[in-house]
Amino acid sequence: MTAPDIPLKLKRLKLKDFATYSATTPFAGTYLQSASWDNLEVLRLANIPESAITHLSTLPRLASLELWRLSMQPRRTYTQEHIERPPGHLGAMADNGFRSLETLRVTGDKGEDVVAFLQHLSPKNRLRVLKCTLTDHSVDIDHLILTIRLHCNPDYLRKLVVKGSPGQLPTSYEESLNITGDGGLNIRPLEAFNQLQTLSINVQSAVNLTVDDIAHIIVSFSNLIKLKIDTRILDSRFPTIDHNQLLELMYNLPNLKKLGLRFNATQITGDEVKPESTIRNLPPAIEKLWVADSPIYSPDAVGRFLAKHCPKLRTSNVIHPQLEHNAMPSYVPLAVYHRRWKAVGIQ
């Protein structure tokens, strides 16, 4: 294969990030725009300039795209009202942009970088998997959620992940002095994505699920296999949901196998019965449970509860947070909860 033939025949390409943004960007943009890349299916790229996105959207076979170290600004600011009355520019966007794209992974040092790229997607795209990784704690997640709602297609999206940087819990994060017990991120705009099989939102800003949120999740996301929310935060507030809402989810989402939530486990006795609202007689299919910093009093009672209602769950798959070594004194509630969750055994 000669050098001129490479862009015509290559199916997978990764442009490694060897330099600073200013040095890498001109090369990446120029190189991508130098050919039509008719057979390219998988592209991994750092520092893509915004000027190259239009050309990128024309690649006929591009099915998987991974971007990181973006540097761009959103062109629009969305509000809740735009869901009921979508802005005119959405309908004017070309339907054939990114026409083969099914998987998109975007990592942004700033949340606005991710929002800016998503705003280049036509609402009629056929994206099935969207993963957004945010490395900045000050991200406006509500605006990101609105952007996802307006630029992704509910008929096709099956997996949505919004997460912070990987690693241990950010114990250095300082919570605001003034908070409300039921305040949190608004995920209601995502209810349009009723074909989702995976919904995972784990950033420093808490969703702080309420009883009403759980009811909406059961109605809106009946196909969920994995639900994981608020499993990587430290929150001084007691969760507003408890084991009753956990049971509602497990018994009323028949395909659910992986579940992660903050919930109040302090009232569990081990004698709880399945909820009256259950739509099925079979026990839940839960195989993995993330408990985050959920308050817990009795490991023995919780063990009996899980054994009764989650017969497929094993002790090793009850996932509690990994705390930084010596991050806090052993008498701090979070440290006590951590020890209690480690002591939970499912017989």
Protein backbone atom coordinates (compact mmCIF):
# COMPACT_ATOMS: atom_id res chain seq x y z
CA MET A 1 0.00 0.00 0.00
CA THR A 2 1.47 3.35 -1.03
CA ALA A 3 1.22 6.44 1.17
CA PRO A 4 -1.46 8.10 -0.99
CA ASP A 5 -3.57 4.92 -0.72
CA ILE A 6 -3.64 4.91 3.10
CA PRO A 7 -6.55 7.35 3.58
CA LEU A 8 -8.56 5.44 0.97
CA LYS A 9 -8.17 1.96 2.50
CA LEU A 10 -7.56 2.48 6.21
CA LYS A 11 -10.35 1.27 8.52
CA ARG A 12 -8.92 2.23 11.92
CA LEU A 13 -6.84 5.28 12.86
CA LYS A 14 -5.48 6.71 16.10
CA LEU A 15 -3.65 10.03 16.07
CA LYS A 16 -1.59 10.07 19.25
CA ASP A 17 -1.18 13.21 21.30
CA PHE A 18 2.55 13.83 21.49
CA ALA A 19 2.53 17.60 21.86
CA THR A 20 0.68 20.55 23.30
CA TYR A 21 -2.64 21.67 21.93
CA SER A 22 -1.19 24.46 19.79
CA ALA A 23 1.37 22.14 18.19
CA THR A 24 -0.91 19.17 17.54
CA THR A 25 -4.07 20.85 16.31
CA PRO A 26 -2.86 22.12 12.91
CA PHE A 27 -1.48 18.68 12.02
CA ALA A 28 -4.63 16.80 13.06
CA GLY A 29 -6.95 19.16 11.25
CA THR A 30 -4.89 19.35 8.07
CA TYR A 31 -4.29 15.61 7.93
CA LEU A 32 -7.95 14.73 8.40
CA GLN A 33 -9.08 17.18 5.76
CA SER A 34 -6.48 15.98 3.25
CA ALA A 35 -8.55 12.99 2.10
CA SER A 36 -12.05 11.54 2.03
CA TRP A 37 -11.24 8.48 4.25
CA ASP A 38 -13.99 6.52 2.53
CA ASN A 39 -13.39 3.26 4.45
CA LEU A 40 -12.48 4.64 7.89
CA GLU A 41 -14.69 3.05 10.55
CA VAL A 42 -12.87 3.77 13.84
CA LEU A 43 -11.10 7.03 14.71
CA ARG A 44 -9.38 8.03 17.97
CA LEU A 45 -8.10 11.57 18.04
CA ALA A 46 -6.86 14.26 20.45
CA ASN A 47 -7.10 18.00 19.94
CA ILE A 48 -9.38 18.08 16.95
CA PRO A 49 -9.89 21.67 15.79
CA GLU A 50 -13.48 22.79 15.39
CA SER A 51 -12.74 23.64 11.76
CA ALA A 52 -12.24 19.93 10.99
CA ILE A 53 -15.58 18.72 12.41
CA THR A 54 -17.57 19.44 9.25
CA HIS A 55 -15.23 17.26 7.19
CA LEU A 56 -15.27 14.60 9.90
CA SER A 57 -19.06 14.47 9.73
CA THR A 58 -18.92 13.53 6.03
CA LEU A 59 -16.91 10.30 6.49
CA PRO A 60 -19.33 7.72 5.08
CA ARG A 61 -18.36 4.68 7.20
CA LEU A 62 -17.23 6.26 10.47
CA ALA A 63 -18.98 4.16 13.13
CA SER A 64 -16.86 4.75 16.25
CA LEU A 65 -15.28 8.05 17.29
CA GLU A 66 -13.23 8.83 20.40
CA LEU A 67 -12.08 12.39 21.13
CA TRP A 68 -10.13 13.93 23.98
CA ARG A 69 -8.37 17.18 24.87
CA LEU A 70 -10.91 19.28 23.04
CA SER A 71 -10.79 23.06 23.09
CA MET A 72 -13.93 24.69 21.74
CA GLN A 73 -16.84 26.80 22.90
CA PRO A 74 -20.57 25.96 22.67
CA ARG A 75 -22.42 27.88 20.01
CA ARG A 76 -25.74 27.72 21.86
CA THR A 77 -27.06 27.92 25.40
CA TYR A 78 -30.09 25.75 26.01
CA THR A 79 -32.81 26.05 28.64
CA GLN A 80 -35.66 23.81 29.76
CA GLU A 81 -38.03 25.71 27.47
CA HIS A 82 -36.14 24.48 24.41
CA ILE A 83 -37.38 20.94 25.05
CA GLU A 84 -40.98 21.99 24.47
CA ARG A 85 -40.05 24.46 21.72
CA PRO A 86 -36.85 23.26 19.98
CA PRO A 87 -34.78 26.05 18.44
CA GLY A 88 -35.12 26.44 14.68
CA HIS A 89 -31.46 25.67 13.96
CA LEU A 90 -31.95 22.05 15.06
CA GLY A 91 -34.38 21.36 12.22
CA ALA A 92 -32.06 23.08 9.76
CA MET A 93 -29.07 20.82 10.52
CA ALA A 94 -28.06 18.42 7.73
CA ASP A 95 -29.50 14.94 8.32
CA ASN A 96 -26.54 13.16 6.72
CA GLY A 97 -23.85 14.41 9.11
CA PHE A 98 -22.13 11.52 10.96
CA ARG A 99 -24.61 9.25 9.19
CA SER A 100 -22.86 5.99 10.18
CA LEU A 101 -21.75 7.01 13.68
CA GLU A 102 -22.97 4.62 16.39
CA THR A 103 -20.44 5.06 19.22
CA LEU A 104 -19.10 8.38 20.49
CA ARG A 105 -16.69 8.81 23.40
CA VAL A 106 -15.77 12.38 24.34
CA THR A 107 -13.44 13.49 27.14
CA GLY A 108 -13.25 17.16 28.03
CA ASP A 109 -11.05 19.03 30.48
CA LYS A 110 -13.98 21.43 30.61
CA GLY A 111 -17.60 20.45 30.28
CA GLU A 112 -18.19 23.13 27.70
CA ASP A 113 -15.78 21.31 25.36
CA VAL A 114 -18.04 18.26 25.38
CA VAL A 115 -21.18 20.37 24.98
CA ALA A 116 -19.60 22.22 22.05
CA PHE A 117 -18.87 19.03 20.14
CA LEU A 118 -22.30 17.51 20.81
CA GLN A 119 -23.89 20.62 19.35
CA HIS A 120 -22.46 19.58 15.97
CA LEU A 121 -24.67 16.46 15.95
CA SER A 122 -27.93 16.53 14.04
CA PRO A 123 -30.90 15.46 16.21
CA LYS A 124 -31.59 12.78 13.57
CA ASN A 125 -28.28 11.00 14.13
CA ARG A 126 -28.21 7.25 14.79
CA LEU A 127 -25.90 7.28 17.78
CA ARG A 128 -26.38 4.21 19.98
CA VAL A 129 -23.63 4.74 22.56
CA LEU A 130 -22.58 8.07 24.09
CA LYS A 131 -19.90 8.29 26.78
CA CYS A 132 -18.91 11.69 28.18
CA THR A 133 -15.99 11.94 30.60
CA LEU A 134 -15.56 15.24 32.45
CA THR A 135 -12.35 16.05 34.30
CA ASP A 136 -13.46 19.41 35.71
CA HIS A 137 -15.68 19.41 38.84
CA SER A 138 -17.15 22.82 37.95
CA VAL A 139 -18.98 21.53 34.88
CA ASP A 140 -22.56 22.68 34.22
CA ILE A 141 -24.07 19.19 34.02
CA ASP A 142 -27.62 20.49 33.62
CA HIS A 143 -26.61 22.20 30.35
CA LEU A 144 -24.88 19.03 29.18
CA ILE A 145 -28.05 17.01 29.87
CA LEU A 146 -30.16 19.50 27.91
CA THR A 147 -27.68 19.34 25.02
CA ILE A 148 -27.83 15.54 24.98
CA ARG A 149 -31.62 15.69 24.99
CA LEU A 150 -31.72 18.06 22.01
CA HIS A 151 -28.91 16.58 19.91
CA CYS A 152 -29.34 12.82 20.40
CA ASN A 153 -32.04 10.65 18.87
CA PRO A 154 -34.33 8.81 21.34
CA ASP A 155 -35.14 6.22 18.67
CA TYR A 156 -31.54 4.98 18.59
CA LEU A 157 -29.66 5.82 21.81
CA ARG A 158 -29.19 2.71 23.93
CA LYS A 159 -26.30 3.57 26.24
CA LEU A 160 -25.61 6.89 27.97
CA VAL A 161 -22.69 7.39 30.34
CA VAL A 162 -21.68 10.71 31.93
CA LYS A 163 -18.83 10.38 34.39
CA GLY A 164 -15.95 12.15 36.08
CA SER A 165 -12.31 11.15 36.03
CA PRO A 166 -11.56 7.54 36.97
CA GLY A 167 -9.85 6.70 40.25
CA GLN A 168 -10.65 6.92 43.94
CA LEU A 169 -13.35 9.08 45.44
CA PRO A 170 -12.42 12.78 45.34
CA THR A 171 -12.15 13.33 49.11
CA SER A 172 -10.61 16.76 48.54
CA TYR A 173 -13.87 18.08 47.05
CA GLU A 174 -15.45 20.72 49.30
CA GLU A 175 -19.24 20.77 49.50
CA SER A 176 -21.06 24.08 49.51
CA LEU A 177 -22.05 25.46 52.92
CA ASN A 178 -25.62 26.17 51.79
CA ILE A 179 -27.46 23.19 50.33
CA THR A 180 -31.02 21.86 50.20
CA GLY A 181 -32.07 18.36 51.15
CA ASP A 182 -33.70 17.58 47.82
CA GLY A 183 -31.52 19.66 45.50
CA GLY A 184 -29.66 17.99 42.66
CA LEU A 185 -29.22 17.55 38.94
CA ASN A 186 -32.34 17.40 36.83
CA ILE A 187 -32.32 14.20 34.76
CA ARG A 188 -35.97 14.45 33.70
CA PRO A 189 -35.01 15.71 30.20
CA LEU A 190 -33.49 12.27 29.57
CA GLU A 191 -36.85 10.52 29.95
CA ALA A 192 -37.37 10.83 26.20
CA PHE A 193 -34.68 8.16 25.71
CA ASN A 194 -37.05 5.34 26.53
CA GLN A 195 -35.00 2.72 24.67
CA LEU A 196 -31.98 3.10 26.96
CA GLN A 197 -30.45 -0.10 28.25
CA THR A 198 -27.67 1.65 30.20
CA LEU A 199 -27.99 4.93 32.09
CA SER A 200 -24.98 5.95 34.15
CA ILE A 201 -24.45 9.43 35.60
CA ASN A 202 -21.59 9.70 38.07
CA VAL A 203 -20.10 13.15 38.43
CA GLN A 204 -19.25 15.29 41.43
CA SER A 205 -22.58 17.15 41.23
CA ALA A 206 -25.16 14.84 42.76
CA VAL A 207 -28.38 13.86 41.04
CA ASN A 208 -29.73 13.16 44.54
CA LEU A 209 -32.57 10.92 43.40
CA THR A 210 -36.00 11.44 44.95
CA VAL A 211 -38.98 9.12 45.37
CA ASP A 212 -40.61 10.81 42.36
CA ASP A 213 -37.45 10.29 40.30
CA ILE A 214 -37.59 6.55 40.98
CA ALA A 215 -41.22 6.41 39.85
CA HIS A 216 -40.32 8.25 36.64
CA ILE A 217 -37.34 5.96 35.98
CA ILE A 218 -39.56 2.87 36.24
CA VAL A 219 -42.05 4.30 33.75
CA SER A 220 -39.56 5.89 31.32
CA PHE A 221 -36.72 3.36 31.22
CA SER A 222 -38.40 -0.03 31.23
CA ASN A 223 -35.60 -1.62 29.16
CA LEU A 224 -32.75 -0.79 31.54
CA ILE A 225 -30.12 -3.44 32.11
CA LYS A 226 -27.77 -1.12 33.99
CA LEU A 227 -28.63 1.91 36.12
CA LYS A 228 -25.82 3.64 37.96
CA ILE A 229 -26.26 7.09 39.50
CA ASP A 230 -24.30 9.00 42.16
CA THR A 231 -21.89 6.17 43.00
CA ARG A 232 -18.77 8.36 42.91
CA ILE A 233 -19.63 11.27 45.16
CA LEU A 234 -19.28 12.26 48.78
CA ASP A 235 -22.46 13.91 50.03
CA SER A 236 -23.20 15.02 53.59
CA ARG A 237 -26.95 14.66 52.98
CA PHE A 238 -28.86 11.50 53.80
CA PRO A 239 -30.26 10.06 50.56
CA THR A 240 -33.92 10.90 50.01
CA ILE A 241 -34.62 7.33 48.83
CA ASP A 242 -34.35 4.16 50.91
CA HIS A 243 -34.60 0.39 50.52
CA ASN A 244 -38.27 0.66 49.54
CA GLN A 245 -37.37 2.53 46.36
CA LEU A 246 -34.55 0.04 45.77
CA LEU A 247 -37.12 -2.76 45.84
CA GLU A 248 -39.44 -0.82 43.52
CA LEU A 249 -36.66 -0.54 40.95
CA MET A 250 -35.49 -4.12 41.23
CA TYR A 251 -38.94 -5.69 40.98
CA ASN A 252 -40.37 -3.38 38.31
CA LEU A 253 -37.44 -3.29 35.88
CA PRO A 254 -37.32 -6.95 34.82
CA ASN A 255 -34.12 -6.67 32.74
CA LEU A 256 -32.10 -4.82 35.39
CA LYS A 257 -28.89 -6.68 36.27
CA LYS A 258 -26.53 -3.92 37.43
CA LEU A 259 -27.67 -1.24 39.87
CA GLY A 260 -25.81 1.57 41.59
CA LEU A 261 -27.46 4.16 43.86
CA ARG A 262 -27.08 6.14 47.06
CA PHE A 263 -29.91 4.98 49.32
CA ASN A 264 -30.70 4.99 53.02
CA ALA A 265 -30.10 1.42 54.21
CA THR A 266 -30.42 2.22 57.92
CA GLN A 267 -34.02 0.96 58.27
CA ILE A 268 -33.46 -2.45 56.71
CA THR A 269 -34.44 -5.34 59.00
CA GLY A 270 -34.04 -8.26 56.61
CA ASP A 271 -37.75 -9.13 56.84
CA GLU A 272 -38.90 -6.90 53.98
CA VAL A 273 -41.29 -8.33 51.38
CA LYS A 274 -41.56 -7.50 47.71
CA PRO A 275 -43.53 -4.32 46.93
CA GLU A 276 -47.23 -4.58 46.12
CA SER A 277 -46.63 -2.67 42.90
CA THR A 278 -44.39 -5.36 41.44
CA ILE A 279 -45.17 -6.39 37.88
CA ARG A 280 -43.54 -9.82 38.17
CA ASN A 281 -43.42 -12.79 40.50
CA LEU A 282 -39.83 -13.73 39.73
CA PRO A 283 -37.11 -12.33 42.01
CA PRO A 284 -34.93 -9.51 40.66
CA ALA A 285 -32.05 -10.37 38.32
CA ILE A 286 -29.52 -8.08 40.06
CA GLU A 287 -25.96 -9.39 39.71
CA LYS A 288 -23.96 -6.32 40.74
CA LEU A 289 -24.78 -3.56 43.24
CA TRP A 290 -22.84 -0.31 43.80
CA VAL A 291 -23.78 1.27 47.12
CA ALA A 292 -21.61 4.43 47.09
CA ASP A 293 -21.63 6.18 50.49
CA SER A 294 -25.08 4.85 51.44
CA PRO A 295 -25.74 5.02 55.21
CA ILE A 296 -25.97 1.57 56.80
CA TYR A 297 -26.48 0.44 60.41
CA SER A 298 -26.67 -3.37 60.34
CA PRO A 299 -24.53 -5.43 57.93
CA ASP A 300 -26.32 -8.59 59.09
CA ALA A 301 -29.79 -7.23 58.30
CA VAL A 302 -28.64 -5.88 54.93
CA GLY A 303 -27.08 -9.26 54.12
CA ARG A 304 -30.41 -11.01 54.78
CA PHE A 305 -32.26 -8.40 52.74
CA LEU A 306 -29.98 -8.87 49.72
CA ALA A 307 -30.01 -12.66 49.99
CA LYS A 308 -33.81 -12.63 49.97
CA HIS A 309 -34.38 -10.15 47.15
CA CYS A 310 -31.25 -10.57 45.00
CA PRO A 311 -30.61 -14.33 44.76
CA LYS A 312 -28.12 -13.86 41.90
CA LEU A 313 -26.03 -11.30 43.80
CA ARG A 314 -22.77 -12.41 45.41
CA THR A 315 -20.98 -10.66 48.27
CA SER A 316 -18.01 -9.86 46.03
CA ASN A 317 -20.31 -7.92 43.71
CA VAL A 318 -21.57 -5.51 46.37
CA ILE A 319 -19.29 -2.62 45.45
CA HIS A 320 -18.49 0.06 48.02
CA PRO A 321 -16.20 3.07 47.45
CA GLN A 322 -12.44 2.78 47.72
CA LEU A 323 -11.30 5.50 50.09
CA GLU A 324 -7.89 7.09 49.92
CA HIS A 325 -5.56 5.70 52.57
CA ASN A 326 -5.86 7.73 55.79
CA ALA A 327 -8.24 10.10 54.00
CA MET A 328 -10.36 10.52 57.14
CA PRO A 329 -10.50 9.39 60.79
CA SER A 330 -12.09 6.00 61.43
CA TYR A 331 -14.96 7.54 63.45
CA VAL A 332 -16.21 9.75 60.60
CA PRO A 333 -19.61 8.42 59.40
CA LEU A 334 -18.39 7.68 55.87
CA ALA A 335 -15.53 5.58 57.22
CA VAL A 336 -17.95 3.71 59.51
CA TYR A 337 -20.36 3.05 56.63
CA HIS A 338 -17.44 1.80 54.57
CA ARG A 339 -16.51 -0.76 57.24
CA ARG A 340 -20.13 -1.88 57.59
CA TRP A 341 -20.56 -2.43 53.86
CA LYS A 342 -17.36 -4.46 53.82
CA ALA A 343 -18.91 -6.63 56.54
CA VAL A 344 -22.08 -7.40 54.56
CA GLY A 345 -22.28 -11.08 53.74
CA ILE A 346 -24.87 -12.69 51.47
CA GLN A 347 -25.65 -16.28 52.41
